[in-house]
Amino acid sequence: MIVLFYLFLFLNLIAFILIGYDKYLSKKHKSRISENTLLTFVLIGGTIGSGIAMLIFRHKTAKRRYLLRFWVLVLIQITLIFTLFYLNCFNNA
């Protein structure tokens, strides 16, 4: 369980850094990190890091398409976690 904690901590840290770095690249008018790459880190567990970075760096907050995809992934993750928790509790009863 502790390994899983550190894995998610690492993923969220990388996601946070990527959003911040993409904001930096945006300001410097350089080649950017693709939205698919950023959303892949959300998908694999970097949701919290990405969300916090979006708020702190004010990056990707005006892109409706990105935000829609981000929140769809968040809802899928919440549904998956709730379902796994519910099934686990139901099986243990």
PDB file of N, CA and C in Angstrom:
ATOM      1  N   MET A   1       0.819  -1.192   0.000  1.00  0.00           N
ATOM      2  CA  MET A   1       0.000   0.000   0.000  1.00  0.00           C
ATOM      3  C   MET A   1       0.865   1.258   0.000  1.00  0.00           C
ATOM      4  N   ILE A   2       1.977   1.226   0.712  1.00  0.00           N
ATOM      5  CA  ILE A   2       2.859   2.392   0.767  1.00  0.00           C
ATOM      6  C   ILE A   2       3.488   2.646  -0.595  1.00  0.00           C
ATOM      7  N   VAL A   3       3.748   1.592  -1.351  1.00  0.00           N
ATOM      8  CA  VAL A   3       4.308   1.752  -2.695  1.00  0.00           C
ATOM      9  C   VAL A   3       3.302   2.473  -3.588  1.00  0.00           C
ATOM     10  N   LEU A   4       2.036   2.124  -3.465  1.00  0.00           N
ATOM     11  CA  LEU A   4       0.980   2.772  -4.237  1.00  0.00           C
ATOM     12  C   LEU A   4       0.887   4.257  -3.889  1.00  0.00           C
ATOM     13  N   PHE A   5       1.017   4.575  -2.622  1.00  0.00           N
ATOM     14  CA  PHE A   5       1.006   5.971  -2.179  1.00  0.00           C
ATOM     15  C   PHE A   5       2.130   6.761  -2.848  1.00  0.00           C
ATOM     16  N   TYR A   6       3.348   6.218  -2.824  1.00  0.00           N
ATOM     17  CA  TYR A   6       4.481   6.917  -3.421  1.00  0.00           C
ATOM     18  C   TYR A   6       4.362   6.991  -4.936  1.00  0.00           C
ATOM     19  N   LEU A   7       3.760   5.993  -5.547  1.00  0.00           N
ATOM     20  CA  LEU A   7       3.534   6.026  -6.986  1.00  0.00           C
ATOM     21  C   LEU A   7       2.598   7.172  -7.353  1.00  0.00           C
ATOM     22  N   PHE A   8       1.484   7.305  -6.630  1.00  0.00           N
ATOM     23  CA  PHE A   8       0.554   8.396  -6.899  1.00  0.00           C
ATOM     24  C   PHE A   8       1.166   9.750  -6.557  1.00  0.00           C
ATOM     25  N   LEU A   9       1.956   9.819  -5.510  1.00  0.00           N
ATOM     26  CA  LEU A   9       2.646  11.063  -5.169  1.00  0.00           C
ATOM     27  C   LEU A   9       3.586  11.473  -6.300  1.00  0.00           C
ATOM     28  N   PHE A  10       4.330  10.511  -6.824  1.00  0.00           N
ATOM     29  CA  PHE A  10       5.258  10.768  -7.926  1.00  0.00           C
ATOM     30  C   PHE A  10       4.500  11.201  -9.184  1.00  0.00           C
ATOM     31  N   LEU A  11       3.418  10.509  -9.520  1.00  0.00           N
ATOM     32  CA  LEU A  11       2.628  10.851 -10.702  1.00  0.00           C
ATOM     33  C   LEU A  11       2.047  12.265 -10.588  1.00  0.00           C
ATOM     34  N   ASN A  12       1.560  12.613  -9.418  1.00  0.00           N
ATOM     35  CA  ASN A  12       0.987  13.943  -9.210  1.00  0.00           C
ATOM     36  C   ASN A  12       2.053  15.027  -9.259  1.00  0.00           C
ATOM     37  N   LEU A  13       3.229  14.729  -8.757  1.00  0.00           N
ATOM     38  CA  LEU A  13       4.333  15.685  -8.827  1.00  0.00           C
ATOM     39  C   LEU A  13       4.737  15.920 -10.277  1.00  0.00           C
ATOM     40  N   ILE A  14       4.856  14.849 -11.057  1.00  0.00           N
ATOM     41  CA  ILE A  14       5.204  14.979 -12.470  1.00  0.00           C
ATOM     42  C   ILE A  14       4.119  15.753 -13.214  1.00  0.00           C
ATOM     43  N   ALA A  15       2.848  15.435 -12.943  1.00  0.00           N
ATOM     44  CA  ALA A  15       1.736  16.139 -13.597  1.00  0.00           C
ATOM     45  C   ALA A  15       1.773  17.627 -13.260  1.00  0.00           C
ATOM     46  N   PHE A  16       2.038  17.954 -12.007  1.00  0.00           N
ATOM     47  CA  PHE A  16       2.139  19.350 -11.570  1.00  0.00           C
ATOM     48  C   PHE A  16       3.258  20.066 -12.318  1.00  0.00           C
ATOM     49  N   ILE A  17       4.408  19.428 -12.384  1.00  0.00           N
ATOM     50  CA  ILE A  17       5.569  20.020 -13.059  1.00  0.00           C
ATOM     51  C   ILE A  17       5.291  20.208 -14.551  1.00  0.00           C
ATOM     52  N   LEU A  18       4.651  19.218 -15.177  1.00  0.00           N
ATOM     53  CA  LEU A  18       4.356  19.323 -16.608  1.00  0.00           C
ATOM     54  C   LEU A  18       3.426  20.492 -16.919  1.00  0.00           C
ATOM     55  N   ILE A  19       2.402  20.688 -16.099  1.00  0.00           N
ATOM     56  CA  ILE A  19       1.492  21.823 -16.318  1.00  0.00           C
ATOM     57  C   ILE A  19       2.255  23.137 -16.154  1.00  0.00           C
ATOM     58  N   GLY A  20       3.075  23.235 -15.123  1.00  0.00           N
ATOM     59  CA  GLY A  20       3.872  24.448 -14.913  1.00  0.00           C
ATOM     60  C   GLY A  20       4.857  24.689 -16.036  1.00  0.00           C
ATOM     61  N   TYR A  21       5.494  23.620 -16.500  1.00  0.00           N
ATOM     62  CA  TYR A  21       6.459  23.754 -17.595  1.00  0.00           C
ATOM     63  C   TYR A  21       5.758  24.138 -18.892  1.00  0.00           C
ATOM     64  N   ASP A  22       4.573  23.585 -19.130  1.00  0.00           N
ATOM     65  CA  ASP A  22       3.819  23.945 -20.327  1.00  0.00           C
ATOM     66  C   ASP A  22       3.418  25.416 -20.288  1.00  0.00           C
ATOM     67  N   LYS A  23       3.074  25.911 -19.122  1.00  0.00           N
ATOM     68  CA  LYS A  23       2.753  27.339 -18.965  1.00  0.00           C
ATOM     69  C   LYS A  23       3.985  28.187 -19.283  1.00  0.00           C
ATOM     70  N   TYR A  24       5.137  27.755 -18.796  1.00  0.00           N
ATOM     71  CA  TYR A  24       6.390  28.451 -19.082  1.00  0.00           C
ATOM     72  C   TYR A  24       6.660  28.475 -20.586  1.00  0.00           C
ATOM     73  N   LEU A  25       6.502  27.316 -21.237  1.00  0.00           N
ATOM     74  CA  LEU A  25       6.713  27.237 -22.683  1.00  0.00           C
ATOM     75  C   LEU A  25       5.730  28.132 -23.431  1.00  0.00           C
ATOM     76  N   SER A  26       4.508  28.203 -22.935  1.00  0.00           N
ATOM     77  CA  SER A  26       3.490  29.051 -23.551  1.00  0.00           C
ATOM     78  C   SER A  26       3.893  30.525 -23.498  1.00  0.00           C
ATOM     79  N   LYS A  27       4.391  30.952 -22.361  1.00  0.00           N
ATOM     80  CA  LYS A  27       4.805  32.354 -22.212  1.00  0.00           C
ATOM     81  C   LYS A  27       6.003  32.691 -23.099  1.00  0.00           C
ATOM     82  N   LYS A  28       6.872  31.711 -23.309  1.00  0.00           N
ATOM     83  CA  LYS A  28       8.079  31.929 -24.127  1.00  0.00           C
ATOM     84  C   LYS A  28       7.830  31.670 -25.617  1.00  0.00           C
ATOM     85  N   HIS A  29       6.584  31.315 -25.963  1.00  0.00           N
ATOM     86  CA  HIS A  29       6.204  31.035 -27.356  1.00  0.00           C
ATOM     87  C   HIS A  29       7.064  29.930 -27.961  1.00  0.00           C
ATOM     88  N   LYS A  30       7.276  28.886 -27.186  1.00  0.00           N
ATOM     89  CA  LYS A  30       8.060  27.738 -27.644  1.00  0.00           C
ATOM     90  C   LYS A  30       7.139  26.553 -27.887  1.00  0.00           C
ATOM     91  N   SER A  31       7.713  25.493 -28.424  1.00  0.00           N
ATOM     92  CA  SER A  31       6.963  24.261 -28.680  1.00  0.00           C
ATOM     93  C   SER A  31       6.423  23.712 -27.367  1.00  0.00           C
ATOM     94  N   ARG A  32       5.128  23.347 -27.364  1.00  0.00           N
ATOM     95  CA  ARG A  32       4.424  23.013 -26.129  1.00  0.00           C
ATOM     96  C   ARG A  32       4.267  21.517 -25.929  1.00  0.00           C
ATOM     97  N   ILE A  33       3.886  21.144 -24.723  1.00  0.00           N
ATOM     98  CA  ILE A  33       3.540  19.770 -24.380  1.00  0.00           C
ATOM     99  C   ILE A  33       2.108  19.542 -24.859  1.00  0.00           C
ATOM    100  N   SER A  34       1.870  18.423 -25.522  1.00  0.00           N
ATOM    101  CA  SER A  34       0.540  18.189 -26.080  1.00  0.00           C
ATOM    102  C   SER A  34      -0.499  17.980 -24.971  1.00  0.00           C
ATOM    103  N   GLU A  35      -1.732  18.355 -25.275  1.00  0.00           N
ATOM    104  CA  GLU A  35      -2.815  18.154 -24.322  1.00  0.00           C
ATOM    105  C   GLU A  35      -3.006  16.669 -24.028  1.00  0.00           C
ATOM    106  N   ASN A  36      -2.784  15.837 -25.033  1.00  0.00           N
ATOM    107  CA  ASN A  36      -2.916  14.390 -24.815  1.00  0.00           C
ATOM    108  C   ASN A  36      -1.919  13.880 -23.784  1.00  0.00           C
ATOM    109  N   THR A  37      -0.711  14.429 -23.801  1.00  0.00           N
ATOM    110  CA  THR A  37       0.291  14.037 -22.803  1.00  0.00           C
ATOM    111  C   THR A  37      -0.152  14.483 -21.414  1.00  0.00           C
ATOM    112  N   LEU A  38      -0.618  15.727 -21.317  1.00  0.00           N
ATOM    113  CA  LEU A  38      -1.074  16.233 -20.022  1.00  0.00           C
ATOM    114  C   LEU A  38      -2.256  15.414 -19.504  1.00  0.00           C
ATOM    115  N   LEU A  39      -3.197  15.090 -20.382  1.00  0.00           N
ATOM    116  CA  LEU A  39      -4.366  14.313 -19.973  1.00  0.00           C
ATOM    117  C   LEU A  39      -4.020  12.857 -19.675  1.00  0.00           C
ATOM    118  N   THR A  40      -2.971  12.342 -20.285  1.00  0.00           N
ATOM    119  CA  THR A  40      -2.529  10.978 -19.969  1.00  0.00           C
ATOM    120  C   THR A  40      -2.094  10.899 -18.512  1.00  0.00           C
ATOM    121  N   PHE A  41      -1.423  11.931 -18.031  1.00  0.00           N
ATOM    122  CA  PHE A  41      -1.027  11.931 -16.623  1.00  0.00           C
ATOM    123  C   PHE A  41      -2.233  12.056 -15.705  1.00  0.00           C
ATOM    124  N   VAL A  42      -3.260  12.752 -16.144  1.00  0.00           N
ATOM    125  CA  VAL A  42      -4.511  12.796 -15.379  1.00  0.00           C
ATOM    126  C   VAL A  42      -5.111  11.392 -15.337  1.00  0.00           C
ATOM    127  N   LEU A  43      -5.148  10.743 -16.482  1.00  0.00           N
ATOM    128  CA  LEU A  43      -5.748   9.415 -16.596  1.00  0.00           C
ATOM    129  C   LEU A  43      -5.062   8.394 -15.694  1.00  0.00           C
ATOM    130  N   ILE A  44      -3.748   8.431 -15.623  1.00  0.00           N
ATOM    131  CA  ILE A  44      -3.024   7.401 -14.863  1.00  0.00           C
ATOM    132  C   ILE A  44      -2.843   7.748 -13.386  1.00  0.00           C
ATOM    133  N   GLY A  45      -3.431   8.866 -12.953  1.00  0.00           N
ATOM    134  CA  GLY A  45      -3.427   9.128 -11.521  1.00  0.00           C
ATOM    135  C   GLY A  45      -2.923  10.486 -11.084  1.00  0.00           C
ATOM    136  N   GLY A  46      -2.570  11.346 -12.019  1.00  0.00           N
ATOM    137  CA  GLY A  46      -2.049  12.659 -11.656  1.00  0.00           C
ATOM    138  C   GLY A  46      -3.110  13.739 -11.603  1.00  0.00           C
ATOM    139  N   THR A  47      -4.315  13.348 -11.250  1.00  0.00           N
ATOM    140  CA  THR A  47      -5.454  14.267 -11.259  1.00  0.00           C
ATOM    141  C   THR A  47      -5.269  15.423 -10.286  1.00  0.00           C
ATOM    142  N   ILE A  48      -4.896  15.119  -9.074  1.00  0.00           N
ATOM    143  CA  ILE A  48      -4.772  16.163  -8.051  1.00  0.00           C
ATOM    144  C   ILE A  48      -3.645  17.129  -8.399  1.00  0.00           C
ATOM    145  N   GLY A  49      -2.507  16.602  -8.813  1.00  0.00           N
ATOM    146  CA  GLY A  49      -1.384  17.456  -9.195  1.00  0.00           C
ATOM    147  C   GLY A  49      -1.717  18.351 -10.368  1.00  0.00           C
ATOM    148  N   SER A  50      -2.405  17.790 -11.359  1.00  0.00           N
ATOM    149  CA  SER A  50      -2.807  18.582 -12.523  1.00  0.00           C
ATOM    150  C   SER A  50      -3.813  19.656 -12.136  1.00  0.00           C
ATOM    151  N   GLY A  51      -4.781  19.290 -11.333  1.00  0.00           N
ATOM    152  CA  GLY A  51      -5.804  20.252 -10.917  1.00  0.00           C
ATOM    153  C   GLY A  51      -5.226  21.406 -10.124  1.00  0.00           C
ATOM    154  N   ILE A  52      -4.346  21.085  -9.194  1.00  0.00           N
ATOM    155  CA  ILE A  52      -3.715  22.140  -8.389  1.00  0.00           C
ATOM    156  C   ILE A  52      -2.845  23.031  -9.267  1.00  0.00           C
ATOM    157  N   ALA A  53      -2.105  22.413 -10.191  1.00  0.00           N
ATOM    158  CA  ALA A  53      -1.245  23.191 -11.085  1.00  0.00           C
ATOM    159  C   ALA A  53      -2.070  24.103 -11.980  1.00  0.00           C
ATOM    160  N   MET A  54      -3.211  23.619 -12.462  1.00  0.00           N
ATOM    161  CA  MET A  54      -4.076  24.446 -13.299  1.00  0.00           C
ATOM    162  C   MET A  54      -4.532  25.685 -12.534  1.00  0.00           C
ATOM    163  N   LEU A  55      -4.832  25.516 -11.260  1.00  0.00           N
ATOM    164  CA  LEU A  55      -5.265  26.651 -10.448  1.00  0.00           C
ATOM    165  C   LEU A  55      -4.110  27.598 -10.116  1.00  0.00           C
ATOM    166  N   ILE A  56      -2.979  27.041  -9.728  1.00  0.00           N
ATOM    167  CA  ILE A  56      -1.837  27.874  -9.331  1.00  0.00           C
ATOM    168  C   ILE A  56      -1.262  28.643 -10.524  1.00  0.00           C
ATOM    169  N   PHE A  57      -1.057  27.927 -11.638  1.00  0.00           N
ATOM    170  CA  PHE A  57      -0.435  28.559 -12.808  1.00  0.00           C
ATOM    171  C   PHE A  57      -1.454  29.228 -13.732  1.00  0.00           C
ATOM    172  N   ARG A  58      -2.753  29.069 -13.422  1.00  0.00           N
ATOM    173  CA  ARG A  58      -3.830  29.594 -14.270  1.00  0.00           C
ATOM    174  C   ARG A  58      -3.610  29.182 -15.719  1.00  0.00           C
ATOM    175  N   HIS A  59      -3.410  27.887 -15.873  1.00  0.00           N
ATOM    176  CA  HIS A  59      -3.102  27.327 -17.189  1.00  0.00           C
ATOM    177  C   HIS A  59      -4.162  26.311 -17.573  1.00  0.00           C
ATOM    178  N   LYS A  60      -4.636  26.391 -18.787  1.00  0.00           N
ATOM    179  CA  LYS A  60      -5.652  25.506 -19.358  1.00  0.00           C
ATOM    180  C   LYS A  60      -7.031  25.739 -18.747  1.00  0.00           C
ATOM    181  N   THR A  61      -7.206  26.791 -17.989  1.00  0.00           N
ATOM    182  CA  THR A  61      -8.491  27.029 -17.334  1.00  0.00           C
ATOM    183  C   THR A  61      -9.501  27.695 -18.254  1.00  0.00           C
ATOM    184  N   ALA A  62      -9.076  28.216 -19.387  1.00  0.00           N
ATOM    185  CA  ALA A  62      -9.994  28.843 -20.329  1.00  0.00           C
ATOM    186  C   ALA A  62     -10.262  27.951 -21.544  1.00  0.00           C
ATOM    187  N   LYS A  63      -9.583  26.829 -21.620  1.00  0.00           N
ATOM    188  CA  LYS A  63      -9.751  25.901 -22.750  1.00  0.00           C
ATOM    189  C   LYS A  63     -10.897  24.955 -22.450  1.00  0.00           C
ATOM    190  N   ARG A  64     -12.053  25.228 -23.035  1.00  0.00           N
ATOM    191  CA  ARG A  64     -13.247  24.426 -22.739  1.00  0.00           C
ATOM    192  C   ARG A  64     -13.069  22.959 -23.092  1.00  0.00           C
ATOM    193  N   ARG A  65     -12.475  22.689 -24.247  1.00  0.00           N
ATOM    194  CA  ARG A  65     -12.292  21.290 -24.668  1.00  0.00           C
ATOM    195  C   ARG A  65     -11.396  20.532 -23.682  1.00  0.00           C
ATOM    196  N   TYR A  66     -10.309  21.165 -23.277  1.00  0.00           N
ATOM    197  CA  TYR A  66      -9.405  20.537 -22.310  1.00  0.00           C
ATOM    198  C   TYR A  66     -10.116  20.311 -20.976  1.00  0.00           C
ATOM    199  N   LEU A  67     -10.817  21.326 -20.506  1.00  0.00           N
ATOM    200  CA  LEU A  67     -11.519  21.208 -19.225  1.00  0.00           C
ATOM    201  C   LEU A  67     -12.585  20.118 -19.266  1.00  0.00           C
ATOM    202  N   LEU A  68     -13.295  20.015 -20.380  1.00  0.00           N
ATOM    203  CA  LEU A  68     -14.300  18.967 -20.516  1.00  0.00           C
ATOM    204  C   LEU A  68     -13.651  17.592 -20.430  1.00  0.00           C
ATOM    205  N   ARG A  69     -12.566  17.408 -21.153  1.00  0.00           N
ATOM    206  CA  ARG A  69     -11.862  16.119 -21.121  1.00  0.00           C
ATOM    207  C   ARG A  69     -11.299  15.840 -19.727  1.00  0.00           C
ATOM    208  N   PHE A  70     -10.764  16.873 -19.084  1.00  0.00           N
ATOM    209  CA  PHE A  70     -10.227  16.729 -17.724  1.00  0.00           C
ATOM    210  C   PHE A  70     -11.326  16.255 -16.768  1.00  0.00           C
ATOM    211  N   TRP A  71     -12.485  16.941 -16.781  1.00  0.00           N
ATOM    212  CA  TRP A  71     -13.553  16.602 -15.847  1.00  0.00           C
ATOM    213  C   TRP A  71     -14.208  15.264 -16.169  1.00  0.00           C
ATOM    214  N   VAL A  72     -14.232  14.880 -17.431  1.00  0.00           N
ATOM    215  CA  VAL A  72     -14.731  13.536 -17.765  1.00  0.00           C
ATOM    216  C   VAL A  72     -13.819  12.482 -17.139  1.00  0.00           C
ATOM    217  N   LEU A  73     -12.518  12.689 -17.236  1.00  0.00           N
ATOM    218  CA  LEU A  73     -11.579  11.748 -16.608  1.00  0.00           C
ATOM    219  C   LEU A  73     -11.744  11.721 -15.090  1.00  0.00           C
ATOM    220  N   VAL A  74     -11.945  12.871 -14.490  1.00  0.00           N
ATOM    221  CA  VAL A  74     -12.160  12.945 -13.046  1.00  0.00           C
ATOM    222  C   VAL A  74     -13.421  12.167 -12.655  1.00  0.00           C
ATOM    223  N   LEU A  75     -14.498  12.364 -13.395  1.00  0.00           N
ATOM    224  CA  LEU A  75     -15.742  11.639 -13.101  1.00  0.00           C
ATOM    225  C   LEU A  75     -15.588  10.133 -13.283  1.00  0.00           C
ATOM    226  N   ILE A  76     -14.857   9.725 -14.302  1.00  0.00           N
ATOM    227  CA  ILE A  76     -14.590   8.298 -14.495  1.00  0.00           C
ATOM    228  C   ILE A  76     -13.811   7.743 -13.308  1.00  0.00           C
ATOM    229  N   GLN A  77     -12.804   8.481 -12.852  1.00  0.00           N
ATOM    230  CA  GLN A  77     -12.006   8.024 -11.715  1.00  0.00           C
ATOM    231  C   GLN A  77     -12.846   7.943 -10.444  1.00  0.00           C
ATOM    232  N   ILE A  78     -13.679   8.935 -10.204  1.00  0.00           N
ATOM    233  CA  ILE A  78     -14.537   8.925  -9.017  1.00  0.00           C
ATOM    234  C   ILE A  78     -15.495   7.744  -9.078  1.00  0.00           C
ATOM    235  N   THR A  79     -16.093   7.518 -10.242  1.00  0.00           N
ATOM    236  CA  THR A  79     -17.009   6.394 -10.415  1.00  0.00           C
ATOM    237  C   THR A  79     -16.292   5.073 -10.192  1.00  0.00           C
ATOM    238  N   LEU A  80     -15.103   4.943 -10.732  1.00  0.00           N
ATOM    239  CA  LEU A  80     -14.331   3.712 -10.571  1.00  0.00           C
ATOM    240  C   LEU A  80     -13.967   3.469  -9.108  1.00  0.00           C
ATOM    241  N   ILE A  81     -13.510   4.496  -8.429  1.00  0.00           N
ATOM    242  CA  ILE A  81     -13.138   4.355  -7.016  1.00  0.00           C
ATOM    243  C   ILE A  81     -14.361   4.024  -6.169  1.00  0.00           C
ATOM    244  N   PHE A  82     -15.472   4.723  -6.420  1.00  0.00           N
ATOM    245  CA  PHE A  82     -16.696   4.447  -5.683  1.00  0.00           C
ATOM    246  C   PHE A  82     -17.168   3.023  -5.918  1.00  0.00           C
ATOM    247  N   THR A  83     -17.139   2.581  -7.181  1.00  0.00           N
ATOM    248  CA  THR A  83     -17.577   1.226  -7.515  1.00  0.00           C
ATOM    249  C   THR A  83     -16.698   0.179  -6.841  1.00  0.00           C
ATOM    250  N   LEU A  84     -15.392   0.373  -6.894  1.00  0.00           N
ATOM    251  CA  LEU A  84     -14.490  -0.585  -6.249  1.00  0.00           C
ATOM    252  C   LEU A  84     -14.694  -0.608  -4.737  1.00  0.00           C
ATOM    253  N   PHE A  85     -14.887   0.564  -4.139  1.00  0.00           N
ATOM    254  CA  PHE A  85     -15.124   0.642  -2.703  1.00  0.00           C
ATOM    255  C   PHE A  85     -16.439  -0.024  -2.347  1.00  0.00           C
ATOM    256  N   TYR A  86     -17.483   0.253  -3.126  1.00  0.00           N
ATOM    257  CA  TYR A  86     -18.802  -0.320  -2.871  1.00  0.00           C
ATOM    258  C   TYR A  86     -18.767  -1.845  -3.007  1.00  0.00           C
ATOM    259  N   LEU A  87     -18.128  -2.323  -4.073  1.00  0.00           N
ATOM    260  CA  LEU A  87     -18.045  -3.775  -4.270  1.00  0.00           C
ATOM    261  C   LEU A  87     -17.233  -4.447  -3.171  1.00  0.00           C
ATOM    262  N   ASN A  88     -16.178  -3.787  -2.731  1.00  0.00           N
ATOM    263  CA  ASN A  88     -15.372  -4.339  -1.651  1.00  0.00           C
ATOM    264  C   ASN A  88     -16.146  -4.391  -0.349  1.00  0.00           C
ATOM    265  N   CYS A  89     -16.873  -3.326  -0.038  1.00  0.00           N
ATOM    266  CA  CYS A  89     -17.691  -3.302   1.184  1.00  0.00           C
ATOM    267  C   CYS A  89     -18.830  -4.310   1.090  1.00  0.00           C
ATOM    268  N   PHE A  90     -19.422  -4.413  -0.081  1.00  0.00           N
ATOM    269  CA  PHE A  90     -20.541  -5.334  -0.255  1.00  0.00           C
ATOM    270  C   PHE A  90     -20.097  -6.785  -0.123  1.00  0.00           C
ATOM    271  N   ASN A  91     -18.903  -7.093  -0.641  1.00  0.00           N
ATOM    272  CA  ASN A  91     -18.385  -8.460  -0.562  1.00  0.00           C
ATOM    273  C   ASN A  91     -17.940  -8.826   0.842  1.00  0.00           C
ATOM    274  N   ASN A  92     -17.520  -7.851   1.637  1.00  0.00           N
ATOM    275  CA  ASN A  92     -17.061  -8.118   2.992  1.00  0.00           C
ATOM    276  C   ASN A  92     -18.215  -8.232   3.987  1.00  0.00           C
ATOM    277  N   ALA A  93     -19.410  -7.832   3.598  1.00  0.00           N
ATOM    278  CA  ALA A  93     -20.564  -7.857   4.519  1.00  0.00           C
ATOM    279  C   ALA A  93     -21.083  -9.240   4.760  1.00  0.00           C
TER     280      ALA A  93
END
